[in-house]
């Protein structure tokens, strides 16, 4: 049978998200983040958002609750997983897997859209020609590269977590591209989904699998728990995407 269900959680607002928003607002070329991407922590709001996930998880019916956690090893994701599970009163085994990490941006890391155009005009031209899905910045990954590692993770997860519901804590592009894989979307469909439904910080999604192995998205980018907690809902598209 393989995986029974995935409950997917994007990390709460990070210090990188905040810095990227400030850089965009100021019209500068570079995002002022002191830590490397794997070490960027949650902002204070991000911690509150992660804690607000707890009641939503705790309120799930017994047959809908996750039984194990699969998490990106990046700090903002591991902090979110810990805070959410603690707030839910859930003591679940956690597995960190580098295949669930955020997309690597290579030479575009820490650059705003203005920075990409100014400092790497040749990359900007290649990006516009190849499109977001297939463009691989020098030293980085395309969306298609991320898809490849997610397919290998899903294959292993089917074997390791057979019959289980897994709480997956990761990043916006990872959750979006898992939907691409599970639903069998094409390039145009996943790009459209990314445009019209940007993944919010600490948003919950759920993919369920039937006996024939077909996935159904029963919830996507839900932030009801944040509204109920009276917290701001943020939709940062990633701290270092260089406009991609």
C-alpha atoms as a PDB file:
ATOM      1  CA  UNK A   1       0.000   0.000   0.000  1.00  0.00           C
ATOM      2  CA  UNK A   2       2.722   2.473   0.953  1.00  0.00           C
ATOM      3  CA  UNK A   3       1.970   5.813   2.594  1.00  0.00           C
ATOM      4  CA  UNK A   4      -1.634   6.229   3.711  1.00  0.00           C
ATOM      5  CA  UNK A   5      -1.629  10.017   4.002  1.00  0.00           C
ATOM      6  CA  UNK A   6       0.579  13.097   4.199  1.00  0.00           C
ATOM      7  CA  UNK A   7      -0.114  16.064   6.470  1.00  0.00           C
ATOM      8  CA  UNK A   8       2.143  18.818   5.124  1.00  0.00           C
ATOM      9  CA  UNK A   9       3.258  21.859   7.098  1.00  0.00           C
ATOM     10  CA  UNK A  10       5.278  24.778   5.805  1.00  0.00           C
ATOM     11  CA  UNK A  11       7.639  26.305   8.372  1.00  0.00           C
ATOM     12  CA  UNK A  12       6.591  29.459  10.191  1.00  0.00           C
ATOM     13  CA  UNK A  13       7.880  32.871   9.208  1.00  0.00           C
ATOM     14  CA  UNK A  14      11.691  32.888   9.291  1.00  0.00           C
ATOM     15  CA  UNK A  15      14.204  35.654   9.860  1.00  0.00           C
ATOM     16  CA  UNK A  16      15.161  35.145   6.226  1.00  0.00           C
ATOM     17  CA  UNK A  17      11.565  35.753   5.136  1.00  0.00           C
ATOM     18  CA  UNK A  18      11.563  39.015   7.090  1.00  0.00           C
ATOM     19  CA  UNK A  19      14.925  40.117   5.687  1.00  0.00           C
ATOM     20  CA  UNK A  20      13.813  39.352   2.123  1.00  0.00           C
ATOM     21  CA  UNK A  21      10.652  41.409   2.549  1.00  0.00           C
ATOM     22  CA  UNK A  22      12.678  44.324   3.935  1.00  0.00           C
ATOM     23  CA  UNK A  23      15.188  44.110   1.083  1.00  0.00           C
ATOM     24  CA  UNK A  24      12.416  44.103  -1.500  1.00  0.00           C
ATOM     25  CA  UNK A  25      10.749  47.081   0.134  1.00  0.00           C
ATOM     26  CA  UNK A  26      14.047  48.991   0.231  1.00  0.00           C
ATOM     27  CA  UNK A  27      14.842  48.189  -3.407  1.00  0.00           C
ATOM     28  CA  UNK A  28      18.315  46.852  -2.606  1.00  0.00           C
ATOM     29  CA  UNK A  29      20.184  44.086  -4.424  1.00  0.00           C
ATOM     30  CA  UNK A  30      21.141  41.799  -1.547  1.00  0.00           C
ATOM     31  CA  UNK A  31      19.193  40.292   1.344  1.00  0.00           C
ATOM     32  CA  UNK A  32      20.851  40.908   4.699  1.00  0.00           C
ATOM     33  CA  UNK A  33      20.865  37.455   6.302  1.00  0.00           C
ATOM     34  CA  UNK A  34      23.744  36.619   8.624  1.00  0.00           C
ATOM     35  CA  UNK A  35      23.242  32.827   8.668  1.00  0.00           C
ATOM     36  CA  UNK A  36      23.593  30.325   5.846  1.00  0.00           C
ATOM     37  CA  UNK A  37      20.264  29.046   4.548  1.00  0.00           C
ATOM     38  CA  UNK A  38      20.198  25.782   6.583  1.00  0.00           C
ATOM     39  CA  UNK A  39      20.731  27.766   9.814  1.00  0.00           C
ATOM     40  CA  UNK A  40      18.111  30.510   9.420  1.00  0.00           C
ATOM     41  CA  UNK A  41      15.795  30.508  12.447  1.00  0.00           C
ATOM     42  CA  UNK A  42      12.134  31.368  12.904  1.00  0.00           C
ATOM     43  CA  UNK A  43      11.140  34.921  13.705  1.00  0.00           C
ATOM     44  CA  UNK A  44       9.148  35.569  16.877  1.00  0.00           C
ATOM     45  CA  UNK A  45       5.972  35.566  14.781  1.00  0.00           C
ATOM     46  CA  UNK A  46       7.127  32.349  13.130  1.00  0.00           C
ATOM     47  CA  UNK A  47       7.389  30.660  16.522  1.00  0.00           C
ATOM     48  CA  UNK A  48       3.883  31.785  17.424  1.00  0.00           C
ATOM     49  CA  UNK A  49       2.615  30.498  14.075  1.00  0.00           C
ATOM     50  CA  UNK A  50       4.236  27.113  14.664  1.00  0.00           C
ATOM     51  CA  UNK A  51       2.697  26.846  18.122  1.00  0.00           C
ATOM     52  CA  UNK A  52      -0.726  27.711  16.678  1.00  0.00           C
ATOM     53  CA  UNK A  53      -0.530  24.554  14.544  1.00  0.00           C
ATOM     54  CA  UNK A  54      -0.713  22.462  17.724  1.00  0.00           C
ATOM     55  CA  UNK A  55      -4.462  22.765  18.350  1.00  0.00           C
ATOM     56  CA  UNK A  56      -5.175  21.975  14.690  1.00  0.00           C
ATOM     57  CA  UNK A  57      -3.168  18.746  14.928  1.00  0.00           C
ATOM     58  CA  UNK A  58      -4.639  17.906  18.302  1.00  0.00           C
ATOM     59  CA  UNK A  59      -8.149  18.373  16.931  1.00  0.00           C
ATOM     60  CA  UNK A  60      -7.765  15.753  14.223  1.00  0.00           C
ATOM     61  CA  UNK A  61      -9.770  12.550  14.492  1.00  0.00           C
ATOM     62  CA  UNK A  62      -7.730   9.562  15.637  1.00  0.00           C
ATOM     63  CA  UNK A  63      -7.667   8.027  12.153  1.00  0.00           C
ATOM     64  CA  UNK A  64      -6.471  11.338  10.668  1.00  0.00           C
ATOM     65  CA  UNK A  65      -3.593  12.019  13.055  1.00  0.00           C
ATOM     66  CA  UNK A  66       0.016  11.715  11.909  1.00  0.00           C
ATOM     67  CA  UNK A  67       2.010   8.859  13.384  1.00  0.00           C
ATOM     68  CA  UNK A  68       5.516   9.983  12.498  1.00  0.00           C
ATOM     69  CA  UNK A  69       7.293  13.193  11.420  1.00  0.00           C
ATOM     70  CA  UNK A  70       9.466  13.606   8.326  1.00  0.00           C
ATOM     71  CA  UNK A  71      11.287  16.925   8.381  1.00  0.00           C
ATOM     72  CA  UNK A  72      13.671  19.071   6.395  1.00  0.00           C
ATOM     73  CA  UNK A  73      16.942  19.371   8.340  1.00  0.00           C
ATOM     74  CA  UNK A  74      16.892  23.173   7.980  1.00  0.00           C
ATOM     75  CA  UNK A  75      16.550  24.965  11.318  1.00  0.00           C
ATOM     76  CA  UNK A  76      13.351  26.839  10.482  1.00  0.00           C
ATOM     77  CA  UNK A  77      11.649  23.531   9.666  1.00  0.00           C
ATOM     78  CA  UNK A  78      12.959  21.597  12.665  1.00  0.00           C
ATOM     79  CA  UNK A  79      11.919  24.431  14.998  1.00  0.00           C
ATOM     80  CA  UNK A  80       8.442  24.435  13.450  1.00  0.00           C
ATOM     81  CA  UNK A  81       8.087  20.665  13.844  1.00  0.00           C
ATOM     82  CA  UNK A  82       9.156  20.750  17.474  1.00  0.00           C
ATOM     83  CA  UNK A  83       6.939  23.679  18.468  1.00  0.00           C
ATOM     84  CA  UNK A  84       3.884  22.343  16.635  1.00  0.00           C
ATOM     85  CA  UNK A  85       4.173  18.857  18.112  1.00  0.00           C
ATOM     86  CA  UNK A  86       4.819  20.184  21.609  1.00  0.00           C
ATOM     87  CA  UNK A  87       1.766  22.437  21.378  1.00  0.00           C
ATOM     88  CA  UNK A  88      -0.298  19.465  20.182  1.00  0.00           C
ATOM     89  CA  UNK A  89       0.955  17.242  22.974  1.00  0.00           C
ATOM     90  CA  UNK A  90       2.227  14.778  20.380  1.00  0.00           C
ATOM     91  CA  UNK A  91       5.359  12.745  21.003  1.00  0.00           C
ATOM     92  CA  UNK A  92       6.201  11.396  17.575  1.00  0.00           C
ATOM     93  CA  UNK A  93       9.364   9.894  16.105  1.00  0.00           C
ATOM     94  CA  UNK A  94      11.104  12.461  13.890  1.00  0.00           C
ATOM     95  CA  UNK A  95      13.249  11.695  10.875  1.00  0.00           C
ATOM     96  CA  UNK A  96      15.324  14.393   9.154  1.00  0.00           C
ATOM     97  CA  UNK A  97      15.980  13.949   5.460  1.00  0.00           C
ATOM     98  CA  UNK A  98      18.076  16.286   3.315  1.00  0.00           C
ATOM     99  CA  UNK A  99      15.870  15.499   0.311  1.00  0.00           C
ATOM    100  CA  UNK A 100      13.163  17.609   1.986  1.00  0.00           C
ATOM    101  CA  UNK A 101      15.412  20.705   2.175  1.00  0.00           C
ATOM    102  CA  UNK A 102      14.599  23.952   0.421  1.00  0.00           C
ATOM    103  CA  UNK A 103      15.638  24.523  -3.178  1.00  0.00           C
ATOM    104  CA  UNK A 104      19.296  25.513  -3.592  1.00  0.00           C
ATOM    105  CA  UNK A 105      19.762  28.761  -5.492  1.00  0.00           C
ATOM    106  CA  UNK A 106      23.485  28.798  -6.249  1.00  0.00           C
ATOM    107  CA  UNK A 107      24.710  32.186  -7.459  1.00  0.00           C
ATOM    108  CA  UNK A 108      21.246  33.703  -6.931  1.00  0.00           C
ATOM    109  CA  UNK A 109      21.307  32.999  -3.193  1.00  0.00           C
ATOM    110  CA  UNK A 110      20.546  36.107  -1.084  1.00  0.00           C
ATOM    111  CA  UNK A 111      19.752  38.257  -4.117  1.00  0.00           C
ATOM    112  CA  UNK A 112      16.563  40.192  -4.718  1.00  0.00           C
ATOM    113  CA  UNK A 113      15.023  40.418  -8.168  1.00  0.00           C
ATOM    114  CA  UNK A 114      16.935  43.654  -8.683  1.00  0.00           C
ATOM    115  CA  UNK A 115      20.144  41.933  -7.586  1.00  0.00           C
ATOM    116  CA  UNK A 116      19.690  39.106 -10.071  1.00  0.00           C
ATOM    117  CA  UNK A 117      19.102  41.474 -12.988  1.00  0.00           C
ATOM    118  CA  UNK A 118      22.028  43.723 -12.035  1.00  0.00           C
ATOM    119  CA  UNK A 119      24.649  41.170 -10.986  1.00  0.00           C
ATOM    120  CA  UNK A 120      23.784  38.171 -13.153  1.00  0.00           C
ATOM    121  CA  UNK A 121      22.062  39.419 -16.317  1.00  0.00           C
ATOM    122  CA  UNK A 122      23.037  36.227 -18.165  1.00  0.00           C
ATOM    123  CA  UNK A 123      21.258  34.116 -15.523  1.00  0.00           C
ATOM    124  CA  UNK A 124      18.248  36.400 -15.729  1.00  0.00           C
ATOM    125  CA  UNK A 125      18.123  35.914 -19.485  1.00  0.00           C
ATOM    126  CA  UNK A 126      18.443  32.112 -19.160  1.00  0.00           C
ATOM    127  CA  UNK A 127      15.733  32.085 -16.500  1.00  0.00           C
ATOM    128  CA  UNK A 128      13.324  33.998 -18.712  1.00  0.00           C
ATOM    129  CA  UNK A 129      14.059  31.712 -21.665  1.00  0.00           C
ATOM    130  CA  UNK A 130      13.931  28.359 -19.837  1.00  0.00           C
ATOM    131  CA  UNK A 131      11.144  29.195 -17.399  1.00  0.00           C
ATOM    132  CA  UNK A 132      10.924  28.675 -13.658  1.00  0.00           C
ATOM    133  CA  UNK A 133      10.420  24.908 -13.766  1.00  0.00           C
ATOM    134  CA  UNK A 134      13.570  24.033 -15.723  1.00  0.00           C
ATOM    135  CA  UNK A 135      15.932  26.929 -15.036  1.00  0.00           C
ATOM    136  CA  UNK A 136      18.901  25.772 -12.955  1.00  0.00           C
ATOM    137  CA  UNK A 137      20.996  28.715 -11.704  1.00  0.00           C
ATOM    138  CA  UNK A 138      24.733  28.123 -11.637  1.00  0.00           C
ATOM    139  CA  UNK A 139      25.503  26.051  -8.555  1.00  0.00           C
ATOM    140  CA  UNK A 140      21.805  25.621  -7.743  1.00  0.00           C
ATOM    141  CA  UNK A 141      18.733  23.553  -8.564  1.00  0.00           C
ATOM    142  CA  UNK A 142      15.763  23.816 -10.882  1.00  0.00           C
ATOM    143  CA  UNK A 143      12.270  22.847  -9.777  1.00  0.00           C
ATOM    144  CA  UNK A 144      12.762  19.696 -11.851  1.00  0.00           C
ATOM    145  CA  UNK A 145      15.860  18.849  -9.776  1.00  0.00           C
ATOM    146  CA  UNK A 146      13.806  19.157  -6.590  1.00  0.00           C
ATOM    147  CA  UNK A 147      11.150  16.903  -8.122  1.00  0.00           C
ATOM    148  CA  UNK A 148      13.779  14.237  -8.733  1.00  0.00           C
ATOM    149  CA  UNK A 149      14.856  14.098  -5.085  1.00  0.00           C
ATOM    150  CA  UNK A 150      11.222  14.136  -3.914  1.00  0.00           C
ATOM    151  CA  UNK A 151      10.401  11.126  -6.086  1.00  0.00           C
ATOM    152  CA  UNK A 152      13.199   9.192  -4.403  1.00  0.00           C
ATOM    153  CA  UNK A 153      11.974  10.291  -0.967  1.00  0.00           C
ATOM    154  CA  UNK A 154       8.419   9.162  -1.741  1.00  0.00           C
ATOM    155  CA  UNK A 155       9.657   5.771  -2.912  1.00  0.00           C
ATOM    156  CA  UNK A 156      11.576   5.276   0.336  1.00  0.00           C
ATOM    157  CA  UNK A 157       8.697   6.641   2.429  1.00  0.00           C
ATOM    158  CA  UNK A 158       6.308   4.121   0.867  1.00  0.00           C
ATOM    159  CA  UNK A 159       8.575   1.359   2.123  1.00  0.00           C
ATOM    160  CA  UNK A 160       9.529   2.810   5.516  1.00  0.00           C
ATOM    161  CA  UNK A 161       6.148   4.286   6.487  1.00  0.00           C
ATOM    162  CA  UNK A 162       3.891   1.678   4.914  1.00  0.00           C
ATOM    163  CA  UNK A 163       0.273   2.275   5.930  1.00  0.00           C
ATOM    164  CA  UNK A 164       1.084   5.359   8.015  1.00  0.00           C
ATOM    165  CA  UNK A 165       0.054   8.990   8.031  1.00  0.00           C
ATOM    166  CA  UNK A 166       3.181  11.179   7.987  1.00  0.00           C
ATOM    167  CA  UNK A 167       3.508  14.783   9.136  1.00  0.00           C
ATOM    168  CA  UNK A 168       5.927  16.351   6.658  1.00  0.00           C
ATOM    169  CA  UNK A 169       7.454  19.681   7.732  1.00  0.00           C
ATOM    170  CA  UNK A 170       9.249  21.479   4.940  1.00  0.00           C
ATOM    171  CA  UNK A 171       9.300  24.471   2.588  1.00  0.00           C
ATOM    172  CA  UNK A 172       6.860  26.089   0.184  1.00  0.00           C
ATOM    173  CA  UNK A 173       8.414  24.797  -3.040  1.00  0.00           C
ATOM    174  CA  UNK A 174       8.791  21.276  -1.626  1.00  0.00           C
ATOM    175  CA  UNK A 175       5.102  21.080  -0.684  1.00  0.00           C
ATOM    176  CA  UNK A 176       4.064  22.519  -4.046  1.00  0.00           C
ATOM    177  CA  UNK A 177       6.224  20.029  -5.946  1.00  0.00           C
ATOM    178  CA  UNK A 178       5.027  17.089  -3.852  1.00  0.00           C
ATOM    179  CA  UNK A 179       1.560  17.998  -5.074  1.00  0.00           C
ATOM    180  CA  UNK A 180       2.958  18.023  -8.625  1.00  0.00           C
ATOM    181  CA  UNK A 181       4.287  14.484  -8.114  1.00  0.00           C
ATOM    182  CA  UNK A 182       1.334  13.018  -6.228  1.00  0.00           C
ATOM    183  CA  UNK A 183      -1.344  14.455  -8.510  1.00  0.00           C
ATOM    184  CA  UNK A 184       0.585  14.003 -11.735  1.00  0.00           C
ATOM    185  CA  UNK A 185       0.411  17.681 -12.691  1.00  0.00           C
ATOM    186  CA  UNK A 186       2.195  19.097 -15.712  1.00  0.00           C
ATOM    187  CA  UNK A 187       4.516  22.104 -15.907  1.00  0.00           C
ATOM    188  CA  UNK A 188       1.769  24.593 -16.755  1.00  0.00           C
ATOM    189  CA  UNK A 189      -0.503  23.352 -13.974  1.00  0.00           C
ATOM    190  CA  UNK A 190       2.101  23.510 -11.218  1.00  0.00           C
ATOM    191  CA  UNK A 191       3.300  26.965 -12.303  1.00  0.00           C
ATOM    192  CA  UNK A 192      -0.305  28.195 -12.280  1.00  0.00           C
ATOM    193  CA  UNK A 193      -0.879  26.694  -8.826  1.00  0.00           C
ATOM    194  CA  UNK A 194       2.249  28.404  -7.512  1.00  0.00           C
ATOM    195  CA  UNK A 195       1.062  31.748  -8.882  1.00  0.00           C
ATOM    196  CA  UNK A 196      -2.540  31.672  -7.662  1.00  0.00           C
ATOM    197  CA  UNK A 197      -1.974  29.863  -4.333  1.00  0.00           C
ATOM    198  CA  UNK A 198       1.317  30.946  -2.757  1.00  0.00           C
ATOM    199  CA  UNK A 199       2.032  28.744   0.258  1.00  0.00           C
ATOM    200  CA  UNK A 200       1.573  30.658   3.526  1.00  0.00           C
ATOM    201  CA  UNK A 201       3.873  30.280   6.507  1.00  0.00           C
ATOM    202  CA  UNK A 202       2.684  27.536   8.892  1.00  0.00           C
ATOM    203  CA  UNK A 203      -0.045  26.500   6.433  1.00  0.00           C
ATOM    204  CA  UNK A 204      -1.405  22.957   6.598  1.00  0.00           C
ATOM    205  CA  UNK A 205      -2.201  20.680   3.664  1.00  0.00           C
ATOM    206  CA  UNK A 206      -3.358  17.074   3.476  1.00  0.00           C
ATOM    207  CA  UNK A 207      -2.952  14.431   0.754  1.00  0.00           C
ATOM    208  CA  UNK A 208      -4.878  11.157   1.181  1.00  0.00           C
ATOM    209  CA  UNK A 209      -4.276   7.946  -0.739  1.00  0.00           C
ATOM    210  CA  UNK A 210      -6.918   5.394  -1.679  1.00  0.00           C
ATOM    211  CA  UNK A 211      -6.605   1.623  -1.996  1.00  0.00           C
ATOM    212  CA  UNK A 212      -5.729   1.993  -5.689  1.00  0.00           C
ATOM    213  CA  UNK A 213      -2.775   4.213  -4.843  1.00  0.00           C
ATOM    214  CA  UNK A 214      -4.361   7.439  -6.109  1.00  0.00           C
ATOM    215  CA  UNK A 215      -3.689  10.640  -4.183  1.00  0.00           C
ATOM    216  CA  UNK A 216      -6.398  13.200  -3.377  1.00  0.00           C
ATOM    217  CA  UNK A 217      -5.695  16.683  -2.023  1.00  0.00           C
ATOM    218  CA  UNK A 218      -8.295  17.136   0.705  1.00  0.00           C
ATOM    219  CA  UNK A 219      -6.767  20.341   2.136  1.00  0.00           C
ATOM    220  CA  UNK A 220      -4.223  22.783   0.754  1.00  0.00           C
ATOM    221  CA  UNK A 221      -2.620  25.911   2.238  1.00  0.00           C
ATOM    222  CA  UNK A 222      -5.081  26.058   5.146  1.00  0.00           C
ATOM    223  CA  UNK A 223      -4.411  28.785   7.733  1.00  0.00           C
ATOM    224  CA  UNK A 224      -7.635  28.570   9.736  1.00  0.00           C
ATOM    225  CA  UNK A 225      -5.588  27.829  12.859  1.00  0.00           C
ATOM    226  CA  UNK A 226      -3.674  31.103  12.457  1.00  0.00           C
ATOM    227  CA  UNK A 227      -6.890  33.083  12.100  1.00  0.00           C
ATOM    228  CA  UNK A 228      -8.309  31.384  15.189  1.00  0.00           C
ATOM    229  CA  UNK A 229      -5.157  32.273  17.139  1.00  0.00           C
ATOM    230  CA  UNK A 230      -5.411  35.899  16.009  1.00  0.00           C
ATOM    231  CA  UNK A 231      -2.028  35.762  14.281  1.00  0.00           C
ATOM    232  CA  UNK A 232      -0.962  37.532  11.082  1.00  0.00           C
ATOM    233  CA  UNK A 233      -1.027  35.314   8.004  1.00  0.00           C
ATOM    234  CA  UNK A 234       2.179  35.724   5.981  1.00  0.00           C
ATOM    235  CA  UNK A 235       2.860  34.536   2.467  1.00  0.00           C
ATOM    236  CA  UNK A 236       6.589  35.047   2.009  1.00  0.00           C
ATOM    237  CA  UNK A 237       7.639  33.197  -1.146  1.00  0.00           C
ATOM    238  CA  UNK A 238      11.027  32.265   0.293  1.00  0.00           C
ATOM    239  CA  UNK A 239      13.866  34.319   1.701  1.00  0.00           C
ATOM    240  CA  UNK A 240      16.423  33.922  -1.061  1.00  0.00           C
ATOM    241  CA  UNK A 241      14.635  33.132  -4.280  1.00  0.00           C
ATOM    242  CA  UNK A 242      16.134  35.985  -6.280  1.00  0.00           C
ATOM    243  CA  UNK A 243      12.744  36.572  -7.829  1.00  0.00           C
ATOM    244  CA  UNK A 244      12.465  32.999  -9.062  1.00  0.00           C
END
